[in-house]
Amino acid sequence: MNPVDALILGIVQGLTEFIPVSSTAHLVFALRWLGIYHDDPLKQTATMAVIQMGTLVAAIVYFGRDIRGITTAFIRENADILKRQRSLQWDKFSSEARLGWLLIIGSIPIGAAGILFKKQIEGVFTKNLMVIASMMIVIAIALAIAERIGSQTRSINSVSLKDALIVGLAQALALIPGASRSGSTIMGGLFSGLNRESAARFSFLLMIPAVTASGILEMREALKVLSMGDLSSLVLGTIAAGISGYLAIWFLLSYLRNRTTVIFIVYRVVVGALIIFLIKSGWMAASVN
């Protein structure tokens, strides 16, 4: 892998990680187009894991103030409960401390699914373009339904334990390629009645613990399967992912304040249908293996 390839992959990752169009779909397509590791799914997974750290840093920087507030309140208020040996009373927590618990609870489904299906995630299944295209369309339809029936009247401060589990289960769908982490979680938030901006904000905060945990695990594998030359090039890609990812967060939160997700729904359907057409026409293989 050369620096130009890494730069392209980084920009693709940054722009599509937070926009609900599936970063995996676009990265797999880009890897196929660039001819990078077309016969080695483990190296493809490792490459994605390294570049994804750039978008993780982007989210941490963008939501730095929120993260500090949530972490400080969570530690202080739970430590006080232990110190005073009081029982946990949900309604006594501040909104920030509650949000800390909600992010932990919401992260459980994807953590459990990630452990159970680790081999499949790293294998050829997650690189299959037919699976990716199908999930792009399926989640587009589900997102359209959520837009239609969700009340969109609630803010992030009203998220309940039930909401966190719903969004957390939706995030677990992102392990299926083409589903999109942001697309799935925003969909879950809309089904729960959150307004679009709050659904996206909770989605991005929920992404941080999940990607941090998976990133630590995958980085160990990446160091084993990628060469030093590849890793050197990926430094540039990771920086590009961070910059473009930060801009993508800013854009989407601003966009969803006054607009629907229809443009992303249409994009997903069109791209998914196009990939299926190319595969069925014999112009593109669903899988290289």
C-alpha atoms as a PDB file:
ATOM      1  CA  MET A   1       0.000   0.000   0.000  1.00  0.00           C
ATOM      2  CA  ASN A   2       1.347   3.404  -0.955  1.00  0.00           C
ATOM      3  CA  PRO A   3       0.631   6.751   0.767  1.00  0.00           C
ATOM      4  CA  VAL A   4      -1.806   7.859  -1.966  1.00  0.00           C
ATOM      5  CA  ASP A   5      -3.901   4.706  -1.518  1.00  0.00           C
ATOM      6  CA  ALA A   6      -3.863   5.224   2.249  1.00  0.00           C
ATOM      7  CA  LEU A   7      -4.932   8.857   1.816  1.00  0.00           C
ATOM      8  CA  ILE A   8      -7.880   7.831  -0.371  1.00  0.00           C
ATOM      9  CA  LEU A   9      -8.956   5.168   2.127  1.00  0.00           C
ATOM     10  CA  GLY A  10      -8.666   7.656   4.998  1.00  0.00           C
ATOM     11  CA  ILE A  11     -10.871  10.233   3.297  1.00  0.00           C
ATOM     12  CA  VAL A  12     -13.436   7.575   2.387  1.00  0.00           C
ATOM     13  CA  GLN A  13     -13.470   6.293   5.978  1.00  0.00           C
ATOM     14  CA  GLY A  14     -13.784   9.765   7.495  1.00  0.00           C
ATOM     15  CA  LEU A  15     -16.604  10.910   5.239  1.00  0.00           C
ATOM     16  CA  THR A  16     -18.659   7.711   5.542  1.00  0.00           C
ATOM     17  CA  GLU A  17     -18.166   6.631   9.180  1.00  0.00           C
ATOM     18  CA  PHE A  18     -20.583   9.225  10.518  1.00  0.00           C
ATOM     19  CA  ILE A  19     -22.796   9.825   7.487  1.00  0.00           C
ATOM     20  CA  PRO A  20     -25.402   6.993   7.493  1.00  0.00           C
ATOM     21  CA  VAL A  21     -24.259   5.391   4.229  1.00  0.00           C
ATOM     22  CA  SER A  22     -21.949   2.588   5.544  1.00  0.00           C
ATOM     23  CA  SER A  23     -18.218   3.140   5.799  1.00  0.00           C
ATOM     24  CA  THR A  24     -17.596  -0.609   5.402  1.00  0.00           C
ATOM     25  CA  ALA A  25     -19.405  -0.644   2.071  1.00  0.00           C
ATOM     26  CA  HIS A  26     -17.360   2.236   0.740  1.00  0.00           C
ATOM     27  CA  LEU A  27     -14.059   0.962   2.161  1.00  0.00           C
ATOM     28  CA  VAL A  28     -14.516  -2.537   0.742  1.00  0.00           C
ATOM     29  CA  PHE A  29     -15.402  -1.016  -2.632  1.00  0.00           C
ATOM     30  CA  ALA A  30     -12.364   1.300  -2.428  1.00  0.00           C
ATOM     31  CA  LEU A  31     -10.057  -1.575  -1.462  1.00  0.00           C
ATOM     32  CA  ARG A  32     -11.404  -3.587  -4.395  1.00  0.00           C
ATOM     33  CA  TRP A  33     -11.029  -0.635  -6.776  1.00  0.00           C
ATOM     34  CA  LEU A  34      -7.473   0.089  -5.628  1.00  0.00           C
ATOM     35  CA  GLY A  35      -6.564  -3.600  -5.709  1.00  0.00           C
ATOM     36  CA  ILE A  36      -5.368  -3.653  -2.100  1.00  0.00           C
ATOM     37  CA  TYR A  37      -5.219  -7.059  -0.380  1.00  0.00           C
ATOM     38  CA  HIS A  38      -7.956  -8.391  -2.673  1.00  0.00           C
ATOM     39  CA  ASP A  39      -7.061 -11.965  -1.671  1.00  0.00           C
ATOM     40  CA  ASP A  40      -6.461 -11.393   2.050  1.00  0.00           C
ATOM     41  CA  PRO A  41      -9.545 -10.499   4.154  1.00  0.00           C
ATOM     42  CA  LEU A  42      -7.465 -10.415   7.350  1.00  0.00           C
ATOM     43  CA  LYS A  43      -5.281  -7.626   5.978  1.00  0.00           C
ATOM     44  CA  GLN A  44      -8.376  -5.788   4.726  1.00  0.00           C
ATOM     45  CA  THR A  45      -9.896  -5.975   8.216  1.00  0.00           C
ATOM     46  CA  ALA A  46      -6.616  -4.825   9.764  1.00  0.00           C
ATOM     47  CA  THR A  47      -6.404  -1.872   7.363  1.00  0.00           C
ATOM     48  CA  MET A  48      -9.950  -0.803   8.228  1.00  0.00           C
ATOM     49  CA  ALA A  49      -9.207  -1.121  11.949  1.00  0.00           C
ATOM     50  CA  VAL A  50      -6.150   1.148  11.735  1.00  0.00           C
ATOM     51  CA  ILE A  51      -7.875   3.823   9.663  1.00  0.00           C
ATOM     52  CA  GLN A  52     -10.941   3.710  11.904  1.00  0.00           C
ATOM     53  CA  MET A  53      -8.811   4.981  14.776  1.00  0.00           C
ATOM     54  CA  GLY A  54      -8.698   8.316  12.967  1.00  0.00           C
ATOM     55  CA  THR A  55     -12.474   8.672  13.089  1.00  0.00           C
ATOM     56  CA  LEU A  56     -12.438   7.586  16.732  1.00  0.00           C
ATOM     57  CA  VAL A  57     -10.077  10.458  17.545  1.00  0.00           C
ATOM     58  CA  ALA A  58     -12.335  12.801  15.549  1.00  0.00           C
ATOM     59  CA  ALA A  59     -15.338  11.820  17.683  1.00  0.00           C
ATOM     60  CA  ILE A  60     -13.380  12.170  20.925  1.00  0.00           C
ATOM     61  CA  VAL A  61     -12.141  15.634  19.947  1.00  0.00           C
ATOM     62  CA  TYR A  62     -15.544  16.827  18.709  1.00  0.00           C
ATOM     63  CA  PHE A  63     -17.380  15.597  21.802  1.00  0.00           C
ATOM     64  CA  GLY A  64     -14.520  16.318  24.199  1.00  0.00           C
ATOM     65  CA  ARG A  65     -16.556  18.613  26.428  1.00  0.00           C
ATOM     66  CA  ASP A  66     -19.448  16.121  26.582  1.00  0.00           C
ATOM     67  CA  ILE A  67     -17.069  13.260  27.366  1.00  0.00           C
ATOM     68  CA  ARG A  68     -15.386  15.198  30.181  1.00  0.00           C
ATOM     69  CA  GLY A  69     -18.754  16.155  31.667  1.00  0.00           C
ATOM     70  CA  ILE A  70     -20.154  12.617  31.444  1.00  0.00           C
ATOM     71  CA  THR A  71     -16.987  11.000  32.834  1.00  0.00           C
ATOM     72  CA  THR A  72     -16.605  13.461  35.715  1.00  0.00           C
ATOM     73  CA  ALA A  73     -20.262  13.223  36.763  1.00  0.00           C
ATOM     74  CA  PHE A  74     -20.326   9.432  36.397  1.00  0.00           C
ATOM     75  CA  ILE A  75     -17.244   8.878  38.563  1.00  0.00           C
ATOM     76  CA  ARG A  76     -18.173  11.494  41.172  1.00  0.00           C
ATOM     77  CA  GLU A  77     -21.788  10.394  41.656  1.00  0.00           C
ATOM     78  CA  ASN A  78     -21.146   6.651  41.618  1.00  0.00           C
ATOM     79  CA  ALA A  79     -18.182   7.076  43.977  1.00  0.00           C
ATOM     80  CA  ASP A  80     -20.464   8.997  46.329  1.00  0.00           C
ATOM     81  CA  ILE A  81     -22.951   6.107  46.297  1.00  0.00           C
ATOM     82  CA  LEU A  82     -20.205   3.638  47.231  1.00  0.00           C
ATOM     83  CA  LYS A  83     -18.749   5.959  49.868  1.00  0.00           C
ATOM     84  CA  ARG A  84     -22.090   6.519  51.554  1.00  0.00           C
ATOM     85  CA  GLN A  85     -23.176   2.903  50.930  1.00  0.00           C
ATOM     86  CA  ARG A  86     -26.417   4.085  49.447  1.00  0.00           C
ATOM     87  CA  SER A  87     -28.564   2.147  46.995  1.00  0.00           C
ATOM     88  CA  LEU A  88     -28.496   3.213  43.377  1.00  0.00           C
ATOM     89  CA  GLN A  89     -31.438   5.510  42.640  1.00  0.00           C
ATOM     90  CA  TRP A  90     -31.765   6.284  38.945  1.00  0.00           C
ATOM     91  CA  ASP A  91     -33.718   9.503  39.375  1.00  0.00           C
ATOM     92  CA  LYS A  92     -31.058  10.888  41.719  1.00  0.00           C
ATOM     93  CA  PHE A  93     -28.366  10.890  39.042  1.00  0.00           C
ATOM     94  CA  SER A  94     -27.626  14.011  37.029  1.00  0.00           C
ATOM     95  CA  SER A  95     -28.360  13.805  33.296  1.00  0.00           C
ATOM     96  CA  GLU A  96     -24.635  13.429  32.571  1.00  0.00           C
ATOM     97  CA  ALA A  97     -24.139  10.554  35.037  1.00  0.00           C
ATOM     98  CA  ARG A  98     -27.237   8.828  33.652  1.00  0.00           C
ATOM     99  CA  LEU A  99     -25.863   9.229  30.154  1.00  0.00           C
ATOM    100  CA  GLY A 100     -22.671   7.495  31.293  1.00  0.00           C
ATOM    101  CA  TRP A 101     -24.671   4.459  32.420  1.00  0.00           C
ATOM    102  CA  LEU A 102     -26.755   4.533  29.239  1.00  0.00           C
ATOM    103  CA  LEU A 103     -23.639   4.463  27.064  1.00  0.00           C
ATOM    104  CA  ILE A 104     -22.307   1.480  29.007  1.00  0.00           C
ATOM    105  CA  ILE A 105     -25.610  -0.397  28.748  1.00  0.00           C
ATOM    106  CA  GLY A 106     -26.017   0.509  25.085  1.00  0.00           C
ATOM    107  CA  SER A 107     -22.545  -0.870  24.330  1.00  0.00           C
ATOM    108  CA  ILE A 108     -23.280  -4.349  25.700  1.00  0.00           C
ATOM    109  CA  PRO A 109     -25.077  -5.757  22.605  1.00  0.00           C
ATOM    110  CA  ILE A 110     -22.308  -4.941  20.121  1.00  0.00           C
ATOM    111  CA  GLY A 111     -19.644  -6.106  22.567  1.00  0.00           C
ATOM    112  CA  ALA A 112     -21.332  -9.489  22.998  1.00  0.00           C
ATOM    113  CA  ALA A 113     -22.016  -9.861  19.274  1.00  0.00           C
ATOM    114  CA  GLY A 114     -18.455  -8.849  18.409  1.00  0.00           C
ATOM    115  CA  ILE A 115     -17.026 -11.591  20.621  1.00  0.00           C
ATOM    116  CA  LEU A 116     -19.477 -14.235  19.383  1.00  0.00           C
ATOM    117  CA  PHE A 117     -18.989 -13.490  15.684  1.00  0.00           C
ATOM    118  CA  LYS A 118     -15.321 -12.438  15.647  1.00  0.00           C
ATOM    119  CA  LYS A 119     -14.314 -14.993  13.002  1.00  0.00           C
ATOM    120  CA  GLN A 120     -17.127 -14.000  10.665  1.00  0.00           C
ATOM    121  CA  ILE A 121     -16.329 -10.303  11.080  1.00  0.00           C
ATOM    122  CA  GLU A 122     -12.703 -10.879  10.117  1.00  0.00           C
ATOM    123  CA  GLY A 123     -13.554 -13.275   7.287  1.00  0.00           C
ATOM    124  CA  VAL A 124     -14.848 -13.016   3.729  1.00  0.00           C
ATOM    125  CA  PHE A 125     -18.500 -12.567   4.795  1.00  0.00           C
ATOM    126  CA  THR A 126     -17.929  -8.940   5.755  1.00  0.00           C
ATOM    127  CA  LYS A 127     -16.240  -8.246   2.412  1.00  0.00           C
ATOM    128  CA  ASN A 128     -19.014  -9.740   0.245  1.00  0.00           C
ATOM    129  CA  LEU A 129     -20.516  -7.006  -1.929  1.00  0.00           C
ATOM    130  CA  MET A 130     -23.877  -8.785  -2.286  1.00  0.00           C
ATOM    131  CA  VAL A 131     -24.282  -8.832   1.498  1.00  0.00           C
ATOM    132  CA  ILE A 132     -23.181  -5.195   1.667  1.00  0.00           C
ATOM    133  CA  ALA A 133     -25.571  -4.064  -1.086  1.00  0.00           C
ATOM    134  CA  SER A 134     -28.505  -5.952   0.443  1.00  0.00           C
ATOM    135  CA  MET A 135     -27.947  -4.425   3.880  1.00  0.00           C
ATOM    136  CA  MET A 136     -27.625  -0.944   2.415  1.00  0.00           C
ATOM    137  CA  ILE A 137     -31.140  -1.334   1.026  1.00  0.00           C
ATOM    138  CA  VAL A 138     -32.586  -3.085   4.105  1.00  0.00           C
ATOM    139  CA  ILE A 139     -31.387  -0.389   6.525  1.00  0.00           C
ATOM    140  CA  ALA A 140     -32.509   2.329   4.093  1.00  0.00           C
ATOM    141  CA  ILE A 141     -36.049   0.921   4.234  1.00  0.00           C
ATOM    142  CA  ALA A 142     -35.908   0.606   8.035  1.00  0.00           C
ATOM    143  CA  LEU A 143     -34.599   4.173   8.347  1.00  0.00           C
ATOM    144  CA  ALA A 144     -37.438   5.406   6.120  1.00  0.00           C
ATOM    145  CA  ILE A 145     -39.959   3.639   8.385  1.00  0.00           C
ATOM    146  CA  ALA A 146     -38.319   5.170  11.474  1.00  0.00           C
ATOM    147  CA  GLU A 147     -38.560   8.609   9.869  1.00  0.00           C
ATOM    148  CA  ARG A 148     -42.244   7.964   9.207  1.00  0.00           C
ATOM    149  CA  ILE A 149     -43.401   6.621  12.564  1.00  0.00           C
ATOM    150  CA  GLY A 150     -40.921   8.127  15.046  1.00  0.00           C
ATOM    151  CA  SER A 151     -42.319  11.016  17.086  1.00  0.00           C
ATOM    152  CA  GLN A 152     -38.986  12.920  16.971  1.00  0.00           C
ATOM    153  CA  THR A 153     -40.022  14.962  20.004  1.00  0.00           C
ATOM    154  CA  ARG A 154     -37.421  13.935  22.557  1.00  0.00           C
ATOM    155  CA  SER A 155     -33.928  15.220  23.289  1.00  0.00           C
ATOM    156  CA  ILE A 156     -30.838  13.261  24.307  1.00  0.00           C
ATOM    157  CA  ASN A 157     -31.478  14.111  27.984  1.00  0.00           C
ATOM    158  CA  SER A 158     -34.674  12.015  27.881  1.00  0.00           C
ATOM    159  CA  VAL A 159     -32.980   8.785  26.757  1.00  0.00           C
ATOM    160  CA  SER A 160     -34.111   5.871  28.947  1.00  0.00           C
ATOM    161  CA  LEU A 161     -32.642   2.443  29.678  1.00  0.00           C
ATOM    162  CA  LYS A 162     -35.052   0.964  27.135  1.00  0.00           C
ATOM    163  CA  ASP A 163     -33.932   3.500  24.517  1.00  0.00           C
ATOM    164  CA  ALA A 164     -30.267   2.710  25.177  1.00  0.00           C
ATOM    165  CA  LEU A 165     -30.904  -1.002  24.645  1.00  0.00           C
ATOM    166  CA  ILE A 166     -32.856  -0.359  21.440  1.00  0.00           C
ATOM    167  CA  VAL A 167     -30.102   1.832  20.025  1.00  0.00           C
ATOM    168  CA  GLY A 168     -27.475  -0.601  21.324  1.00  0.00           C
ATOM    169  CA  LEU A 169     -29.150  -3.521  19.547  1.00  0.00           C
ATOM    170  CA  ALA A 170     -29.354  -1.394  16.414  1.00  0.00           C
ATOM    171  CA  GLN A 171     -25.626  -0.694  16.712  1.00  0.00           C
ATOM    172  CA  ALA A 172     -24.966  -4.448  16.789  1.00  0.00           C
ATOM    173  CA  LEU A 173     -26.494  -4.605  13.300  1.00  0.00           C
ATOM    174  CA  ALA A 174     -23.486  -2.567  12.133  1.00  0.00           C
ATOM    175  CA  LEU A 175     -21.402  -5.742  12.429  1.00  0.00           C
ATOM    176  CA  ILE A 176     -23.196  -6.848   9.273  1.00  0.00           C
ATOM    177  CA  PRO A 177     -21.433  -5.060   6.398  1.00  0.00           C
ATOM    178  CA  GLY A 178     -23.483  -2.405   4.677  1.00  0.00           C
ATOM    179  CA  ALA A 179     -25.726  -1.746   7.667  1.00  0.00           C
ATOM    180  CA  SER A 180     -23.749   1.329   8.804  1.00  0.00           C
ATOM    181  CA  ARG A 181     -23.110   2.067  12.463  1.00  0.00           C
ATOM    182  CA  SER A 182     -24.500   5.604  12.225  1.00  0.00           C
ATOM    183  CA  GLY A 183     -27.385   4.532   9.984  1.00  0.00           C
ATOM    184  CA  SER A 184     -28.441   1.726  12.312  1.00  0.00           C
ATOM    185  CA  THR A 185     -28.123   3.717  15.530  1.00  0.00           C
ATOM    186  CA  ILE A 186     -29.831   6.818  14.155  1.00  0.00           C
ATOM    187  CA  MET A 187     -32.612   4.509  12.994  1.00  0.00           C
ATOM    188  CA  GLY A 188     -32.859   3.063  16.525  1.00  0.00           C
ATOM    189  CA  GLY A 189     -32.932   6.551  18.018  1.00  0.00           C
ATOM    190  CA  LEU A 190     -35.713   7.659  15.672  1.00  0.00           C
ATOM    191  CA  PHE A 191     -37.770   4.551  16.501  1.00  0.00           C
ATOM    192  CA  SER A 192     -37.352   5.535  20.180  1.00  0.00           C
ATOM    193  CA  GLY A 193     -38.812   8.978  19.492  1.00  0.00           C
ATOM    194  CA  LEU A 194     -35.618  11.028  19.622  1.00  0.00           C
ATOM    195  CA  ASN A 195     -35.325  14.012  17.311  1.00  0.00           C
ATOM    196  CA  ARG A 196     -32.858  13.573  14.466  1.00  0.00           C
ATOM    197  CA  GLU A 197     -30.014  15.614  15.955  1.00  0.00           C
ATOM    198  CA  SER A 198     -30.290  13.873  19.349  1.00  0.00           C
ATOM    199  CA  ALA A 199     -30.428  10.455  17.666  1.00  0.00           C
ATOM    200  CA  ALA A 200     -27.228  11.288  15.775  1.00  0.00           C
ATOM    201  CA  ARG A 201     -25.508  12.736  18.860  1.00  0.00           C
ATOM    202  CA  PHE A 202     -26.318   9.675  20.984  1.00  0.00           C
ATOM    203  CA  SER A 203     -25.227   7.494  18.069  1.00  0.00           C
ATOM    204  CA  PHE A 204     -21.809   9.146  17.899  1.00  0.00           C
ATOM    205  CA  LEU A 205     -21.279   9.031  21.676  1.00  0.00           C
ATOM    206  CA  LEU A 206     -22.239   5.339  21.681  1.00  0.00           C
ATOM    207  CA  MET A 207     -19.746   4.705  18.907  1.00  0.00           C
ATOM    208  CA  ILE A 208     -16.788   5.795  21.077  1.00  0.00           C
ATOM    209  CA  PRO A 209     -16.646   2.910  23.613  1.00  0.00           C
ATOM    210  CA  ALA A 210     -17.445   0.314  20.936  1.00  0.00           C
ATOM    211  CA  VAL A 211     -14.775   1.477  18.496  1.00  0.00           C
ATOM    212  CA  THR A 212     -12.244   1.977  21.292  1.00  0.00           C
ATOM    213  CA  ALA A 213     -12.680  -1.608  22.486  1.00  0.00           C
ATOM    214  CA  SER A 214     -12.666  -3.137  18.995  1.00  0.00           C
ATOM    215  CA  GLY A 215      -9.779  -0.880  17.958  1.00  0.00           C
ATOM    216  CA  ILE A 216      -7.566  -2.101  20.808  1.00  0.00           C
ATOM    217  CA  LEU A 217      -8.273  -5.728  19.898  1.00  0.00           C
ATOM    218  CA  GLU A 218      -7.911  -5.249  16.140  1.00  0.00           C
ATOM    219  CA  MET A 219      -4.742  -3.153  16.429  1.00  0.00           C
ATOM    220  CA  ARG A 220      -2.941  -6.115  17.978  1.00  0.00           C
ATOM    221  CA  GLU A 221      -3.890  -8.201  14.955  1.00  0.00           C
ATOM    222  CA  ALA A 222      -3.005  -5.372  12.577  1.00  0.00           C
ATOM    223  CA  LEU A 223       0.536  -5.195  13.941  1.00  0.00           C
ATOM    224  CA  LYS A 224       0.901  -8.907  13.184  1.00  0.00           C
ATOM    225  CA  VAL A 225      -0.404  -8.970   9.604  1.00  0.00           C
ATOM    226  CA  LEU A 226       0.594  -5.563   8.190  1.00  0.00           C
ATOM    227  CA  SER A 227       4.132  -4.641   7.189  1.00  0.00           C
ATOM    228  CA  MET A 228       5.947  -1.597   8.583  1.00  0.00           C
ATOM    229  CA  GLY A 229       5.647   0.024   5.157  1.00  0.00           C
ATOM    230  CA  ASP A 230       1.885  -0.426   5.177  1.00  0.00           C
ATOM    231  CA  LEU A 231       1.604   0.926   8.713  1.00  0.00           C
ATOM    232  CA  SER A 232       3.721   3.949   7.785  1.00  0.00           C
ATOM    233  CA  SER A 233       1.406   4.743   4.867  1.00  0.00           C
ATOM    234  CA  LEU A 234      -1.647   4.228   7.065  1.00  0.00           C
ATOM    235  CA  VAL A 235      -0.476   6.998   9.399  1.00  0.00           C
ATOM    236  CA  LEU A 236      -1.376   9.425   6.604  1.00  0.00           C
ATOM    237  CA  GLY A 237      -4.674   7.645   6.025  1.00  0.00           C
ATOM    238  CA  THR A 238      -5.531   7.778   9.714  1.00  0.00           C
ATOM    239  CA  ILE A 239      -4.859  11.529   9.882  1.00  0.00           C
ATOM    240  CA  ALA A 240      -7.014  12.056   6.776  1.00  0.00           C
ATOM    241  CA  ALA A 241      -9.790   9.968   8.367  1.00  0.00           C
ATOM    242  CA  GLY A 242      -9.626  12.098  11.510  1.00  0.00           C
ATOM    243  CA  ILE A 243      -9.876  15.426   9.685  1.00  0.00           C
ATOM    244  CA  SER A 244     -12.606  14.343   7.267  1.00  0.00           C
ATOM    245  CA  GLY A 245     -14.437  12.548  10.084  1.00  0.00           C
ATOM    246  CA  TYR A 246     -14.519  15.688  12.235  1.00  0.00           C
ATOM    247  CA  LEU A 247     -15.982  17.645   9.325  1.00  0.00           C
ATOM    248  CA  ALA A 248     -18.528  14.874   8.696  1.00  0.00           C
ATOM    249  CA  ILE A 249     -19.769  15.019  12.308  1.00  0.00           C
ATOM    250  CA  TRP A 250     -20.138  18.791  12.133  1.00  0.00           C
ATOM    251  CA  PHE A 251     -21.961  18.560   8.807  1.00  0.00           C
ATOM    252  CA  LEU A 252     -24.416  15.840   9.819  1.00  0.00           C
ATOM    253  CA  LEU A 253     -25.413  17.374  13.158  1.00  0.00           C
ATOM    254  CA  SER A 254     -25.977  20.722  11.446  1.00  0.00           C
ATOM    255  CA  TYR A 255     -27.844  19.090   8.570  1.00  0.00           C
ATOM    256  CA  LEU A 256     -30.206  17.069  10.762  1.00  0.00           C
ATOM    257  CA  ARG A 257     -31.316  20.067  12.814  1.00  0.00           C
ATOM    258  CA  ASN A 258     -33.680  21.088  10.049  1.00  0.00           C
ATOM    259  CA  ARG A 259     -33.666  18.253   7.515  1.00  0.00           C
ATOM    260  CA  THR A 260     -34.630  14.587   7.254  1.00  0.00           C
ATOM    261  CA  THR A 261     -32.441  11.615   6.376  1.00  0.00           C
ATOM    262  CA  VAL A 262     -34.227  11.114   3.040  1.00  0.00           C
ATOM    263  CA  ILE A 263     -31.183  12.049   0.949  1.00  0.00           C
ATOM    264  CA  PHE A 264     -29.154   9.308   2.658  1.00  0.00           C
ATOM    265  CA  ILE A 265     -31.989   6.806   2.297  1.00  0.00           C
ATOM    266  CA  VAL A 266     -32.166   7.439  -1.434  1.00  0.00           C
ATOM    267  CA  TYR A 267     -28.369   7.253  -1.767  1.00  0.00           C
ATOM    268  CA  ARG A 268     -28.271   3.907   0.030  1.00  0.00           C
ATOM    269  CA  VAL A 269     -30.966   2.408  -2.182  1.00  0.00           C
ATOM    270  CA  VAL A 270     -29.374   3.681  -5.399  1.00  0.00           C
ATOM    271  CA  VAL A 271     -25.857   2.486  -4.496  1.00  0.00           C
ATOM    272  CA  GLY A 272     -27.118  -0.846  -3.176  1.00  0.00           C
ATOM    273  CA  ALA A 273     -29.188  -1.459  -6.298  1.00  0.00           C
ATOM    274  CA  LEU A 274     -26.268  -0.450  -8.535  1.00  0.00           C
ATOM    275  CA  ILE A 275     -23.898  -2.903  -6.830  1.00  0.00           C
ATOM    276  CA  ILE A 276     -26.444  -5.717  -7.168  1.00  0.00           C
ATOM    277  CA  PHE A 277     -26.922  -4.854 -10.847  1.00  0.00           C
ATOM    278  CA  LEU A 278     -23.158  -4.914 -11.474  1.00  0.00           C
ATOM    279  CA  ILE A 279     -22.848  -8.278  -9.732  1.00  0.00           C
ATOM    280  CA  LYS A 280     -25.825  -9.843 -11.526  1.00  0.00           C
ATOM    281  CA  SER A 281     -24.564  -8.501 -14.846  1.00  0.00           C
ATOM    282  CA  GLY A 282     -21.218 -10.177 -14.309  1.00  0.00           C
ATOM    283  CA  TRP A 283     -19.295  -6.906 -14.322  1.00  0.00           C
ATOM    284  CA  MET A 284     -18.230  -7.351 -10.712  1.00  0.00           C
ATOM    285  CA  ALA A 285     -17.724 -10.352  -8.452  1.00  0.00           C
ATOM    286  CA  ALA A 286     -19.580 -10.414  -5.151  1.00  0.00           C
ATOM    287  CA  SER A 287     -16.495 -11.825  -3.479  1.00  0.00           C
ATOM    288  CA  VAL A 288     -12.915 -12.205  -4.611  1.00  0.00           C
ATOM    289  CA  ASN A 289     -12.646 -15.609  -2.924  1.00  0.00           C
END
